[in-house]
Amino acid sequence: MYFFNGNSDSVFMDWGNGFPVLQSPYGGLGAPFTGTSGDRFTIVFDFENYRWIAEPKDIGWDSKRRNVQYYCAGVCNATALETGQISANVLYAIPIYVLKNTTFDRIAIKVTVGASGNVGLGIYNDLDCYPNERVWYEIGISVSSAGVKARTINVPFYVDVHGPLLWLVIVSNTTPTIVSLPVNAAFPILGFDSTLTTAGVGWSVPFTYAVLPATFPAGASPITASPIPAIFLRSSAW
């Protein structure tokens, strides 16, 4: 039997018949519990080292974000954004780091010049700095007129399961002009090329407008120039 102490409250791992079983006064595997000091944890099994560990529920700079405010994927140092015309039938994926368990309640873009047609928005998890499995999507969002195009969503997010890196995705069957990121304000998540002059800030890949795929298509190219779509995410409780 292994013993873990979380602020004087006991968490045990009992191997029983050869299988690790969590015993806690606060719940089973993955259940949050509260120590005597009021700190919250999540019990996680570390398969690499074959042990239970307790991780704080609130970690990283995301815990300092304000509730009911939108945060823009991919932005590094900008407060004034630009506009850009996105292409039809292209999947754009822009990164956002989330270091805290939360529930997302809004996703949005802002159209500045409308075009007859629709866009689809999506959220994907990450695999080796590339969009992987679809977490959420919606298509049929009209961009025929200017304005904020927001969708109410209910997407639980768990750092241990999904993150901490997510990709916000947009695809369109038309060519609206939307609020976008300046190249020099976008986070160079994919690094710089061999000449040390061009950075990759996201991914794009041809994709005929339809339901967003369950797995992001292979063969995408780094986004290195405008347009870099500004896709916004909101949580009611960062």
Protein backbone atom coordinates (compact mmCIF):
# COMPACT_ATOMS: atom_id res chain seq x y z
CA MET A 1 0.00 0.00 0.00
CA TYR A 2 1.26 3.45 -0.91
CA PHE A 3 0.46 6.55 1.08
CA PHE A 4 0.08 10.07 -0.23
CA ASN A 5 -0.54 12.99 2.09
CA GLY A 6 -2.43 16.00 0.71
CA ASN A 7 -2.34 18.69 3.38
CA SER A 8 -2.80 16.15 6.18
CA ASP A 9 -5.64 14.31 4.44
CA SER A 10 -4.77 10.74 3.50
CA VAL A 11 -4.95 9.29 0.01
CA PHE A 12 -4.08 5.60 -0.27
CA MET A 13 -3.24 3.35 -3.21
CA ASP A 14 -4.12 -0.27 -2.45
CA TRP A 15 -2.72 -2.79 -4.91
CA GLY A 16 -5.31 -5.39 -3.86
CA ASN A 17 -5.16 -8.22 -6.38
CA GLY A 18 -2.42 -6.63 -8.45
CA PHE A 19 -4.43 -3.64 -9.65
CA PRO A 20 -4.04 -0.11 -8.24
CA VAL A 21 -7.19 1.03 -6.47
CA LEU A 22 -7.50 4.55 -5.14
CA GLN A 23 -8.93 4.92 -1.68
CA SER A 24 -9.78 8.46 -0.64
CA PRO A 25 -12.30 10.07 1.69
CA TYR A 26 -13.17 12.42 -1.19
CA GLY A 27 -13.80 10.13 -4.19
CA GLY A 28 -12.26 7.75 -6.69
CA LEU A 29 -9.82 8.08 -9.54
CA GLY A 30 -9.84 11.54 -11.07
CA ALA A 31 -12.20 12.90 -8.45
CA PRO A 32 -11.36 16.33 -7.01
CA PHE A 33 -10.92 16.54 -3.28
CA THR A 34 -10.30 19.32 -0.79
CA GLY A 35 -7.42 19.23 1.70
CA THR A 36 -7.63 20.75 5.13
CA SER A 37 -6.26 24.05 3.82
CA GLY A 38 -8.97 24.27 1.14
CA ASP A 39 -6.58 23.56 -1.78
CA ARG A 40 -8.13 21.49 -4.58
CA PHE A 41 -6.40 18.58 -6.29
CA THR A 42 -7.03 15.95 -8.93
CA ILE A 43 -5.70 12.44 -8.36
CA VAL A 44 -3.91 11.18 -11.50
CA PHE A 45 -2.14 7.89 -12.17
CA ASP A 46 1.35 8.39 -13.64
CA PHE A 47 1.77 5.34 -15.87
CA GLU A 48 5.40 6.13 -16.74
CA ASN A 49 6.49 5.94 -13.12
CA TYR A 50 3.58 3.74 -12.01
CA ARG A 51 2.40 5.92 -9.16
CA TRP A 52 -0.48 8.12 -8.09
CA ILE A 53 0.14 11.86 -8.03
CA ALA A 54 -1.98 14.78 -6.85
CA GLU A 55 -2.09 17.77 -9.19
CA PRO A 56 -3.51 21.18 -8.25
CA LYS A 57 -6.78 22.00 -9.95
CA ASP A 58 -5.69 25.56 -10.73
CA ILE A 59 -2.31 25.78 -12.45
CA GLY A 60 -0.63 28.20 -14.81
CA TRP A 61 -1.28 31.74 -15.91
CA ASP A 62 -4.80 30.85 -17.07
CA SER A 63 -5.95 30.91 -13.46
CA LYS A 64 -5.43 34.68 -13.58
CA ARG A 65 -7.83 35.24 -16.48
CA ARG A 66 -11.06 37.16 -16.00
CA ASN A 67 -14.39 35.38 -16.20
CA VAL A 68 -16.79 36.09 -19.08
CA GLN A 69 -14.06 37.69 -21.18
CA TYR A 70 -13.02 36.43 -24.61
CA TYR A 71 -9.43 35.33 -25.23
CA CYS A 72 -7.95 35.15 -28.70
CA ALA A 73 -6.12 32.08 -29.96
CA GLY A 74 -2.57 32.56 -31.20
CA VAL A 75 -2.08 36.13 -30.06
CA CYS A 76 1.22 36.98 -28.42
CA ASN A 77 1.47 40.74 -27.97
CA ALA A 78 -1.35 42.56 -29.71
CA THR A 79 -4.29 44.59 -28.47
CA ALA A 80 -5.08 46.14 -31.86
CA LEU A 81 -5.93 43.43 -34.39
CA GLU A 82 -6.22 43.72 -38.19
CA THR A 83 -8.56 42.25 -40.76
CA GLY A 84 -8.02 39.62 -43.40
CA GLN A 85 -10.03 37.81 -46.05
CA ILE A 86 -10.03 34.06 -45.50
CA SER A 87 -10.14 31.62 -48.38
CA ALA A 88 -13.00 29.24 -49.05
CA ASN A 89 -12.49 25.52 -48.46
CA VAL A 90 -9.44 25.84 -46.26
CA LEU A 91 -9.15 24.64 -42.67
CA TYR A 92 -7.24 27.12 -40.52
CA ALA A 93 -6.02 25.99 -37.09
CA ILE A 94 -4.75 28.47 -34.50
CA PRO A 95 -3.25 27.43 -31.12
CA ILE A 96 -4.41 28.39 -27.64
CA TYR A 97 -2.90 27.26 -24.35
CA VAL A 98 -5.24 26.47 -21.47
CA LEU A 99 -3.57 25.48 -18.20
CA LYS A 100 -6.62 25.15 -16.00
CA ASN A 101 -9.65 22.87 -15.86
CA THR A 102 -12.68 24.85 -16.97
CA THR A 103 -15.81 24.81 -19.14
CA PHE A 104 -15.92 26.88 -22.31
CA ASP A 105 -19.22 28.66 -22.90
CA ARG A 106 -18.61 30.79 -26.02
CA ILE A 107 -16.63 30.66 -29.25
CA ALA A 108 -16.65 33.60 -31.68
CA ILE A 109 -15.22 35.41 -34.66
CA LYS A 110 -15.87 38.94 -35.87
CA VAL A 111 -16.85 39.61 -39.49
CA THR A 112 -15.97 43.04 -40.86
CA VAL A 113 -17.06 42.52 -44.48
CA GLY A 114 -19.71 39.89 -45.00
CA ALA A 115 -19.95 37.38 -47.84
CA SER A 116 -22.90 35.19 -48.68
CA GLY A 117 -22.28 31.83 -47.11
CA ASN A 118 -21.30 30.10 -43.89
CA VAL A 119 -18.37 29.12 -41.74
CA GLY A 120 -17.74 26.24 -39.41
CA LEU A 121 -15.87 26.54 -36.13
CA GLY A 122 -14.19 23.80 -34.16
CA ILE A 123 -11.96 22.88 -31.25
CA TYR A 124 -9.31 20.16 -31.56
CA ASN A 125 -6.90 18.66 -29.09
CA ASP A 126 -3.20 18.38 -29.84
CA LEU A 127 -0.77 15.65 -30.81
CA ASP A 128 2.87 16.67 -31.24
CA CYS A 129 2.05 20.31 -31.98
CA TYR A 130 -0.53 19.38 -34.63
CA PRO A 131 -4.34 19.42 -34.39
CA ASN A 132 -5.55 15.92 -33.66
CA GLU A 133 -9.04 14.86 -32.53
CA ARG A 134 -12.14 17.04 -32.73
CA VAL A 135 -13.47 18.12 -29.35
CA TRP A 136 -16.37 20.30 -30.53
CA TYR A 137 -17.67 21.80 -33.79
CA GLU A 138 -20.56 23.64 -35.40
CA ILE A 139 -21.16 24.49 -39.04
CA GLY A 140 -23.75 26.65 -40.79
CA ILE A 141 -22.74 29.90 -39.07
CA SER A 142 -23.78 32.69 -41.43
CA VAL A 143 -21.19 35.32 -42.33
CA SER A 144 -23.40 37.22 -44.75
CA SER A 145 -23.35 40.33 -42.56
CA ALA A 146 -20.78 42.13 -40.45
CA GLY A 147 -20.60 41.70 -36.69
CA VAL A 148 -19.62 39.29 -33.96
CA LYS A 149 -20.60 35.71 -34.74
CA ALA A 150 -20.67 33.95 -31.37
CA ARG A 151 -21.95 30.53 -30.45
CA THR A 152 -23.04 29.36 -27.02
CA ILE A 153 -21.26 26.11 -26.23
CA ASN A 154 -20.83 23.81 -23.25
CA VAL A 155 -17.42 22.18 -23.56
CA PRO A 156 -15.81 20.83 -20.37
CA PHE A 157 -12.02 20.99 -20.50
CA TYR A 158 -9.60 18.95 -18.39
CA VAL A 159 -5.89 19.64 -18.67
CA ASP A 160 -5.00 15.99 -17.98
CA VAL A 161 -7.29 14.80 -20.79
CA HIS A 162 -7.25 17.47 -23.49
CA GLY A 163 -4.36 19.79 -22.94
CA PRO A 164 -2.76 22.03 -22.28
CA LEU A 165 -2.63 22.90 -26.00
CA LEU A 166 -5.82 23.22 -28.05
CA TRP A 167 -6.40 24.31 -31.65
CA LEU A 168 -9.29 26.56 -32.68
CA VAL A 169 -10.36 25.88 -36.25
CA ILE A 170 -12.35 27.70 -38.91
CA VAL A 171 -13.47 26.68 -42.41
CA SER A 172 -15.70 28.58 -44.83
CA ASN A 173 -17.57 28.06 -48.10
CA THR A 174 -17.14 31.75 -48.92
CA THR A 175 -14.59 34.55 -48.49
CA PRO A 176 -15.57 36.91 -45.66
CA THR A 177 -13.19 39.46 -44.21
CA ILE A 178 -12.76 38.84 -40.49
CA VAL A 179 -10.73 40.20 -37.62
CA SER A 180 -7.29 38.61 -37.83
CA LEU A 181 -3.91 38.59 -36.13
CA PRO A 182 -1.02 40.72 -37.37
CA VAL A 183 1.86 38.44 -38.34
CA ASN A 184 4.23 40.17 -35.93
CA ALA A 185 1.76 39.68 -33.06
CA ALA A 186 1.13 35.95 -33.51
CA PHE A 187 2.74 33.31 -31.32
CA PRO A 188 5.44 31.45 -33.35
CA ILE A 189 4.44 28.05 -32.01
CA LEU A 190 5.96 26.14 -34.94
CA GLY A 191 9.33 27.86 -34.71
CA PHE A 192 11.36 29.60 -37.40
CA ASP A 193 12.62 28.25 -40.71
CA SER A 194 16.30 27.59 -41.52
CA THR A 195 16.81 31.20 -42.60
CA LEU A 196 15.52 32.45 -39.23
CA THR A 197 13.15 34.86 -40.98
CA THR A 198 9.76 33.12 -41.24
CA ALA A 199 7.82 31.69 -38.33
CA GLY A 200 4.91 29.25 -38.32
CA VAL A 201 1.94 30.42 -36.25
CA GLY A 202 -0.69 27.81 -37.12
CA TRP A 203 -1.72 25.26 -39.73
CA SER A 204 -3.83 25.37 -42.89
CA VAL A 205 -4.95 22.60 -45.20
CA PRO A 206 -7.38 22.37 -48.16
CA PHE A 207 -10.75 20.99 -47.06
CA THR A 208 -14.06 21.21 -48.89
CA TYR A 209 -16.57 22.87 -46.57
CA ALA A 210 -18.52 20.24 -44.65
CA VAL A 211 -18.83 18.82 -41.15
CA LEU A 212 -15.43 19.27 -39.56
CA PRO A 213 -13.51 15.98 -39.66
CA ALA A 214 -13.23 13.84 -36.54
CA THR A 215 -9.45 13.85 -37.02
CA PHE A 216 -7.66 16.87 -38.46
CA PRO A 217 -6.37 16.10 -41.99
CA ALA A 218 -2.72 15.24 -42.44
CA GLY A 219 -0.45 17.28 -44.68
CA ALA A 220 -1.24 20.78 -43.46
CA SER A 221 1.18 23.64 -44.13
CA PRO A 222 2.41 26.15 -41.55
CA ILE A 223 0.63 29.50 -41.59
CA THR A 224 3.36 32.12 -42.07
CA ALA A 225 1.48 35.11 -43.45
CA SER A 226 -1.89 36.86 -43.37
CA PRO A 227 -4.67 36.03 -42.98
CA ILE A 228 -4.34 34.57 -39.51
CA PRO A 229 -7.96 34.20 -38.36
CA ALA A 230 -8.72 35.56 -34.89
CA ILE A 231 -10.86 32.96 -33.14
CA PHE A 232 -12.03 33.78 -29.62
CA LEU A 233 -12.85 31.46 -26.73
CA ARG A 234 -14.60 32.26 -23.47
CA SER A 235 -15.13 30.53 -20.15
CA SER A 236 -17.59 31.55 -17.49
CA ALA A 237 -15.16 30.44 -14.79
CA TRP A 238 -11.48 30.67 -15.58
